[in-house]
Amino acid sequence: GFELITSYVYNTMVKGDKKYDQFIM
C-alpha cells in the first residue's frame, strides 16, 4: 500500500577490485 516517490542508484562503493551500487528508495 505504499506509493513509490522515487528509486535510483545514487552511490557506488569500491572494495578491492569490485564495485557495489547503492540505491535509495
PDB file of all heavy atoms in Angstrom:
ATOM      1  N   GLY A   1       0.787  -1.224   0.000  1.00  0.00           N
ATOM      2  CA  GLY A   1       0.000   0.000   0.000  1.00  0.00           C
ATOM      3  C   GLY A   1       0.819   1.274   0.000  1.00  0.00           C
ATOM      4  O   GLY A   1       0.273   2.374   0.136  1.00  0.00           O
ATOM      5  N   PHE A   2       2.131   1.140  -0.156  1.00  0.00           N
ATOM      6  CA  PHE A   2       2.978   2.324  -0.280  1.00  0.00           C
ATOM      7  C   PHE A   2       2.907   2.857  -1.707  1.00  0.00           C
ATOM      8  O   PHE A   2       2.760   2.098  -2.674  1.00  0.00           O
ATOM      9  CB  PHE A   2       4.440   1.986   0.035  1.00  0.00           C
ATOM     10  CG  PHE A   2       4.759   1.902   1.498  1.00  0.00           C
ATOM     11  CD1 PHE A   2       4.746   0.692   2.158  1.00  0.00           C
ATOM     12  CD2 PHE A   2       5.081   3.046   2.216  1.00  0.00           C
ATOM     13  CE1 PHE A   2       5.049   0.596   3.506  1.00  0.00           C
ATOM     14  CE2 PHE A   2       5.386   2.969   3.566  1.00  0.00           C
ATOM     15  CZ  PHE A   2       5.372   1.740   4.214  1.00  0.00           C
ATOM     16  N   GLU A   3       3.039   4.147  -1.829  1.00  0.00           N
ATOM     17  CA  GLU A   3       3.165   4.790  -3.138  1.00  0.00           C
ATOM     18  C   GLU A   3       4.623   5.193  -3.330  1.00  0.00           C
ATOM     19  O   GLU A   3       5.170   5.952  -2.523  1.00  0.00           O
ATOM     20  CB  GLU A   3       2.267   6.021  -3.231  1.00  0.00           C
ATOM     21  CG  GLU A   3       2.403   6.774  -4.549  1.00  0.00           C
ATOM     22  CD  GLU A   3       1.623   8.061  -4.579  1.00  0.00           C
ATOM     23  OE1 GLU A   3       0.797   8.288  -3.673  1.00  0.00           O
ATOM     24  OE2 GLU A   3       1.862   8.867  -5.508  1.00  0.00           O
ATOM     25  N   LEU A   4       5.241   4.677  -4.359  1.00  0.00           N
ATOM     26  CA  LEU A   4       6.651   4.980  -4.593  1.00  0.00           C
ATOM     27  C   LEU A   4       6.814   6.408  -5.102  1.00  0.00           C
ATOM     28  O   LEU A   4       6.150   6.817  -6.056  1.00  0.00           O
ATOM     29  CB  LEU A   4       7.235   4.001  -5.606  1.00  0.00           C
ATOM     30  CG  LEU A   4       8.754   4.090  -5.766  1.00  0.00           C
ATOM     31  CD1 LEU A   4       9.453   3.429  -4.589  1.00  0.00           C
ATOM     32  CD2 LEU A   4       9.201   3.448  -7.067  1.00  0.00           C
ATOM     33  N   ILE A   5       7.695   7.158  -4.470  1.00  0.00           N
ATOM     34  CA  ILE A   5       8.024   8.504  -4.936  1.00  0.00           C
ATOM     35  C   ILE A   5       9.167   8.445  -5.938  1.00  0.00           C
ATOM     36  O   ILE A   5       9.098   8.996  -7.028  1.00  0.00           O
ATOM     37  CB  ILE A   5       8.401   9.420  -3.755  1.00  0.00           C
ATOM     38  CG1 ILE A   5       7.203   9.607  -2.832  1.00  0.00           C
ATOM     39  CG2 ILE A   5       8.902  10.770  -4.249  1.00  0.00           C
ATOM     40  CD1 ILE A   5       7.508  10.432  -1.604  1.00  0.00           C
ATOM     41  N   THR A   6      10.223   7.723  -5.552  1.00  0.00           N
ATOM     42  CA  THR A   6      11.363   7.592  -6.459  1.00  0.00           C
ATOM     43  C   THR A   6      12.278   6.468  -5.989  1.00  0.00           C
ATOM     44  O   THR A   6      12.249   6.071  -4.826  1.00  0.00           O
ATOM     45  CB  THR A   6      12.168   8.910  -6.547  1.00  0.00           C
ATOM     46  OG1 THR A   6      13.125   8.827  -7.609  1.00  0.00           O
ATOM     47  CG2 THR A   6      12.894   9.219  -5.244  1.00  0.00           C
ATOM     48  N   SER A   7      13.077   5.959  -6.899  1.00  0.00           N
ATOM     49  CA  SER A   7      14.126   4.995  -6.564  1.00  0.00           C
ATOM     50  C   SER A   7      15.185   5.061  -7.649  1.00  0.00           C
ATOM     51  O   SER A   7      14.863   5.101  -8.835  1.00  0.00           O
ATOM     52  CB  SER A   7      13.567   3.573  -6.440  1.00  0.00           C
ATOM     53  OG  SER A   7      13.009   3.155  -7.676  1.00  0.00           O
ATOM     54  N   TYR A   8      16.438   5.082  -7.237  1.00  0.00           N
ATOM     55  CA  TYR A   8      17.534   5.158  -8.200  1.00  0.00           C
ATOM     56  C   TYR A   8      18.863   4.878  -7.496  1.00  0.00           C
ATOM     57  O   TYR A   8      18.970   4.956  -6.263  1.00  0.00           O
ATOM     58  CB  TYR A   8      17.586   6.530  -8.874  1.00  0.00           C
ATOM     59  CG  TYR A   8      17.673   7.703  -7.916  1.00  0.00           C
ATOM     60  CD1 TYR A   8      18.905   8.197  -7.486  1.00  0.00           C
ATOM     61  CD2 TYR A   8      16.519   8.307  -7.425  1.00  0.00           C
ATOM     62  CE1 TYR A   8      18.988   9.269  -6.615  1.00  0.00           C
ATOM     63  CE2 TYR A   8      16.584   9.371  -6.547  1.00  0.00           C
ATOM     64  CZ  TYR A   8      17.825   9.852  -6.146  1.00  0.00           C
ATOM     65  OH  TYR A   8      17.892  10.907  -5.265  1.00  0.00           O
ATOM     66  N   VAL A   9      19.861   4.542  -8.265  1.00  0.00           N
ATOM     67  CA  VAL A   9      21.219   4.353  -7.745  1.00  0.00           C
ATOM     68  C   VAL A   9      21.845   5.731  -7.540  1.00  0.00           C
ATOM     69  O   VAL A   9      21.822   6.573  -8.435  1.00  0.00           O
ATOM     70  CB  VAL A   9      22.073   3.513  -8.708  1.00  0.00           C
ATOM     71  CG1 VAL A   9      23.542   3.513  -8.267  1.00  0.00           C
ATOM     72  CG2 VAL A   9      21.539   2.086  -8.783  1.00  0.00           C
ATOM     73  N   TYR A  10      22.366   5.962  -6.349  1.00  0.00           N
ATOM     74  CA  TYR A  10      22.929   7.275  -6.031  1.00  0.00           C
ATOM     75  C   TYR A  10      24.400   7.229  -5.632  1.00  0.00           C
ATOM     76  O   TYR A  10      25.046   8.271  -5.502  1.00  0.00           O
ATOM     77  CB  TYR A  10      22.127   7.938  -4.912  1.00  0.00           C
ATOM     78  CG  TYR A  10      22.347   7.323  -3.548  1.00  0.00           C
ATOM     79  CD1 TYR A  10      23.248   7.878  -2.632  1.00  0.00           C
ATOM     80  CD2 TYR A  10      21.672   6.164  -3.168  1.00  0.00           C
ATOM     81  CE1 TYR A  10      23.457   7.305  -1.390  1.00  0.00           C
ATOM     82  CE2 TYR A  10      21.871   5.588  -1.929  1.00  0.00           C
ATOM     83  CZ  TYR A  10      22.759   6.162  -1.049  1.00  0.00           C
ATOM     84  OH  TYR A  10      22.974   5.592   0.186  1.00  0.00           O
ATOM     85  N   ASN A  11      24.931   6.019  -5.424  1.00  0.00           N
ATOM     86  CA  ASN A  11      26.318   5.931  -4.955  1.00  0.00           C
ATOM     87  C   ASN A  11      26.926   4.606  -5.390  1.00  0.00           C
ATOM     88  O   ASN A  11      26.234   3.597  -5.509  1.00  0.00           O
ATOM     89  CB  ASN A  11      26.360   6.028  -3.425  1.00  0.00           C
ATOM     90  CG  ASN A  11      27.766   6.105  -2.878  1.00  0.00           C
ATOM     91  OD1 ASN A  11      28.618   6.802  -3.425  1.00  0.00           O
ATOM     92  ND2 ASN A  11      28.036   5.391  -1.801  1.00  0.00           N
ATOM     93  N   THR A  12      28.213   4.627  -5.640  1.00  0.00           N
ATOM     94  CA  THR A  12      28.957   3.412  -5.959  1.00  0.00           C
ATOM     95  C   THR A  12      30.146   3.306  -5.015  1.00  0.00           C
ATOM     96  O   THR A  12      30.945   4.234  -4.897  1.00  0.00           O
ATOM     97  CB  THR A  12      29.451   3.418  -7.412  1.00  0.00           C
ATOM     98  OG1 THR A  12      28.329   3.495  -8.294  1.00  0.00           O
ATOM     99  CG2 THR A  12      30.243   2.153  -7.728  1.00  0.00           C
ATOM    100  N   MET A  13      30.220   2.176  -4.316  1.00  0.00           N
ATOM    101  CA  MET A  13      31.327   1.921  -3.406  1.00  0.00           C
ATOM    102  C   MET A  13      32.343   0.996  -4.068  1.00  0.00           C
ATOM    103  O   MET A  13      31.962   0.121  -4.845  1.00  0.00           O
ATOM    104  CB  MET A  13      30.820   1.267  -2.121  1.00  0.00           C
ATOM    105  CG  MET A  13      29.890   2.129  -1.315  1.00  0.00           C
ATOM    106  SD  MET A  13      29.283   1.237   0.153  1.00  0.00           S
ATOM    107  CE  MET A  13      28.175   0.064  -0.626  1.00  0.00           C
ATOM    108  N   VAL A  14      33.593   1.181  -3.735  1.00  0.00           N
ATOM    109  CA  VAL A  14      34.661   0.340  -4.266  1.00  0.00           C
ATOM    110  C   VAL A  14      35.325  -0.397  -3.111  1.00  0.00           C
ATOM    111  O   VAL A  14      35.758   0.204  -2.128  1.00  0.00           O
ATOM    112  CB  VAL A  14      35.710   1.164  -5.035  1.00  0.00           C
ATOM    113  CG1 VAL A  14      36.835   0.264  -5.539  1.00  0.00           C
ATOM    114  CG2 VAL A  14      35.068   1.927  -6.188  1.00  0.00           C
ATOM    115  N   LYS A  15      35.350  -1.728  -3.226  1.00  0.00           N
ATOM    116  CA  LYS A  15      36.058  -2.565  -2.248  1.00  0.00           C
ATOM    117  C   LYS A  15      36.983  -3.481  -3.040  1.00  0.00           C
ATOM    118  O   LYS A  15      36.524  -4.356  -3.772  1.00  0.00           O
ATOM    119  CB  LYS A  15      35.069  -3.395  -1.426  1.00  0.00           C
ATOM    120  CG  LYS A  15      34.206  -2.580  -0.473  1.00  0.00           C
ATOM    121  CD  LYS A  15      33.238  -3.469   0.305  1.00  0.00           C
ATOM    122  CE  LYS A  15      33.946  -4.355   1.292  1.00  0.00           C
ATOM    123  NZ  LYS A  15      33.009  -5.149   2.125  1.00  0.00           N
ATOM    124  N   GLY A  16      38.277  -3.256  -2.887  1.00  0.00           N
ATOM    125  CA  GLY A  16      39.234  -4.035  -3.675  1.00  0.00           C
ATOM    126  C   GLY A  16      39.047  -3.732  -5.150  1.00  0.00           C
ATOM    127  O   GLY A  16      39.074  -2.578  -5.565  1.00  0.00           O
ATOM    128  N   ASP A  17      38.842  -4.781  -5.939  1.00  0.00           N
ATOM    129  CA  ASP A  17      38.667  -4.578  -7.375  1.00  0.00           C
ATOM    130  C   ASP A  17      37.198  -4.653  -7.785  1.00  0.00           C
ATOM    131  O   ASP A  17      36.888  -4.788  -8.974  1.00  0.00           O
ATOM    132  CB  ASP A  17      39.472  -5.624  -8.155  1.00  0.00           C
ATOM    133  CG  ASP A  17      39.031  -7.054  -7.826  1.00  0.00           C
ATOM    134  OD1 ASP A  17      38.241  -7.232  -6.876  1.00  0.00           O
ATOM    135  OD2 ASP A  17      39.481  -7.979  -8.529  1.00  0.00           O
ATOM    136  N   LYS A  18      36.289  -4.539  -6.809  1.00  0.00           N
ATOM    137  CA  LYS A  18      34.861  -4.652  -7.113  1.00  0.00           C
ATOM    138  C   LYS A  18      34.115  -3.374  -6.768  1.00  0.00           C
ATOM    139  O   LYS A  18      34.496  -2.632  -5.858  1.00  0.00           O
ATOM    140  CB  LYS A  18      34.243  -5.835  -6.366  1.00  0.00           C
ATOM    141  CG  LYS A  18      34.793  -7.174  -6.823  1.00  0.00           C
ATOM    142  CD  LYS A  18      33.838  -8.288  -6.508  1.00  0.00           C
ATOM    143  CE  LYS A  18      34.306  -9.592  -7.158  1.00  0.00           C
ATOM    144  NZ  LYS A  18      33.307 -10.666  -7.036  1.00  0.00           N
ATOM    145  N   LYS A  19      33.039  -3.154  -7.519  1.00  0.00           N
ATOM    146  CA  LYS A  19      32.181  -2.001  -7.286  1.00  0.00           C
ATOM    147  C   LYS A  19      30.793  -2.472  -6.874  1.00  0.00           C
ATOM    148  O   LYS A  19      30.287  -3.465  -7.381  1.00  0.00           O
ATOM    149  CB  LYS A  19      32.089  -1.139  -8.546  1.00  0.00           C
ATOM    150  CG  LYS A  19      33.411  -0.501  -8.947  1.00  0.00           C
ATOM    151  CD  LYS A  19      33.237   0.381 -10.181  1.00  0.00           C
ATOM    152  CE  LYS A  19      34.560   1.033 -10.567  1.00  0.00           C
ATOM    153  NZ  LYS A  19      34.398   1.899 -11.757  1.00  0.00           N
ATOM    154  N   TYR A  20      30.194  -1.718  -5.945  1.00  0.00           N
ATOM    155  CA  TYR A  20      28.871  -2.066  -5.427  1.00  0.00           C
ATOM    156  C   TYR A  20      28.002  -0.808  -5.452  1.00  0.00           C
ATOM    157  O   TYR A  20      28.371   0.220  -4.882  1.00  0.00           O
ATOM    158  CB  TYR A  20      28.966  -2.600  -3.999  1.00  0.00           C
ATOM    159  CG  TYR A  20      29.895  -3.780  -3.856  1.00  0.00           C
ATOM    160  CD1 TYR A  20      31.243  -3.588  -3.539  1.00  0.00           C
ATOM    161  CD2 TYR A  20      29.443  -5.082  -4.055  1.00  0.00           C
ATOM    162  CE1 TYR A  20      32.110  -4.667  -3.415  1.00  0.00           C
ATOM    163  CE2 TYR A  20      30.303  -6.164  -3.927  1.00  0.00           C
ATOM    164  CZ  TYR A  20      31.638  -5.943  -3.612  1.00  0.00           C
ATOM    165  OH  TYR A  20      32.493  -7.021  -3.493  1.00  0.00           O
ATOM    166  N   ASP A  21      26.852  -0.921  -6.091  1.00  0.00           N
ATOM    167  CA  ASP A  21      25.944   0.213  -6.182  1.00  0.00           C
ATOM    168  C   ASP A  21      24.993   0.256  -5.001  1.00  0.00           C
ATOM    169  O   ASP A  21      24.500  -0.780  -4.533  1.00  0.00           O
ATOM    170  CB  ASP A  21      25.120   0.141  -7.470  1.00  0.00           C
ATOM    171  CG  ASP A  21      25.939   0.455  -8.708  1.00  0.00           C
ATOM    172  OD1 ASP A  21      26.963   1.156  -8.581  1.00  0.00           O
ATOM    173  OD2 ASP A  21      25.557  -0.004  -9.796  1.00  0.00           O
ATOM    174  N   GLN A  22      24.716   1.468  -4.547  1.00  0.00           N
ATOM    175  CA  GLN A  22      23.709   1.689  -3.517  1.00  0.00           C
ATOM    176  C   GLN A  22      22.542   2.454  -4.127  1.00  0.00           C
ATOM    177  O   GLN A  22      22.737   3.405  -4.884  1.00  0.00           O
ATOM    178  CB  GLN A  22      24.274   2.513  -2.361  1.00  0.00           C
ATOM    179  CG  GLN A  22      25.199   1.739  -1.443  1.00  0.00           C
ATOM    180  CD  GLN A  22      25.727   2.636  -0.334  1.00  0.00           C
ATOM    181  OE1 GLN A  22      26.408   3.607  -0.595  1.00  0.00           O
ATOM    182  NE2 GLN A  22      25.420   2.301   0.903  1.00  0.00           N
ATOM    183  N   PHE A  23      21.332   2.036  -3.767  1.00  0.00           N
ATOM    184  CA  PHE A  23      20.144   2.733  -4.243  1.00  0.00           C
ATOM    185  C   PHE A  23      19.442   3.408  -3.080  1.00  0.00           C
ATOM    186  O   PHE A  23      19.628   3.047  -1.914  1.00  0.00           O
ATOM    187  CB  PHE A  23      19.177   1.758  -4.924  1.00  0.00           C
ATOM    188  CG  PHE A  23      18.557   0.754  -4.002  1.00  0.00           C
ATOM    189  CD1 PHE A  23      17.380   1.040  -3.311  1.00  0.00           C
ATOM    190  CD2 PHE A  23      19.139  -0.488  -3.807  1.00  0.00           C
ATOM    191  CE1 PHE A  23      16.807   0.115  -2.444  1.00  0.00           C
ATOM    192  CE2 PHE A  23      18.578  -1.420  -2.938  1.00  0.00           C
ATOM    193  CZ  PHE A  23      17.410  -1.116  -2.261  1.00  0.00           C
ATOM    194  N   ILE A  24      18.629   4.388  -3.403  1.00  0.00           N
ATOM    195  CA  ILE A  24      17.718   4.990  -2.438  1.00  0.00           C
ATOM    196  C   ILE A  24      16.308   4.772  -2.959  1.00  0.00           C
ATOM    197  O   ILE A  24      16.062   4.845  -4.167  1.00  0.00           O
ATOM    198  CB  ILE A  24      18.010   6.489  -2.220  1.00  0.00           C
ATOM    199  CG1 ILE A  24      17.175   7.028  -1.043  1.00  0.00           C
ATOM    200  CG2 ILE A  24      17.777   7.314  -3.481  1.00  0.00           C
ATOM    201  CD1 ILE A  24      17.623   8.405  -0.567  1.00  0.00           C
ATOM    202  N   MET A  25      15.402   4.450  -2.064  1.00  0.00           N
ATOM    203  CA  MET A  25      14.001   4.233  -2.423  1.00  0.00           C
ATOM    204  C   MET A  25      13.143   4.985  -1.412  1.00  0.00           C
ATOM    205  O   MET A  25      13.296   4.807  -0.207  1.00  0.00           O
ATOM    206  CB  MET A  25      13.668   2.742  -2.418  1.00  0.00           C
ATOM    207  CG  MET A  25      12.276   2.404  -2.921  1.00  0.00           C
ATOM    208  SD  MET A  25      12.032   0.599  -3.155  1.00  0.00           S
ATOM    209  CE  MET A  25      13.081   0.278  -4.582  1.00  0.00           C
TER     210      MET A  25
END
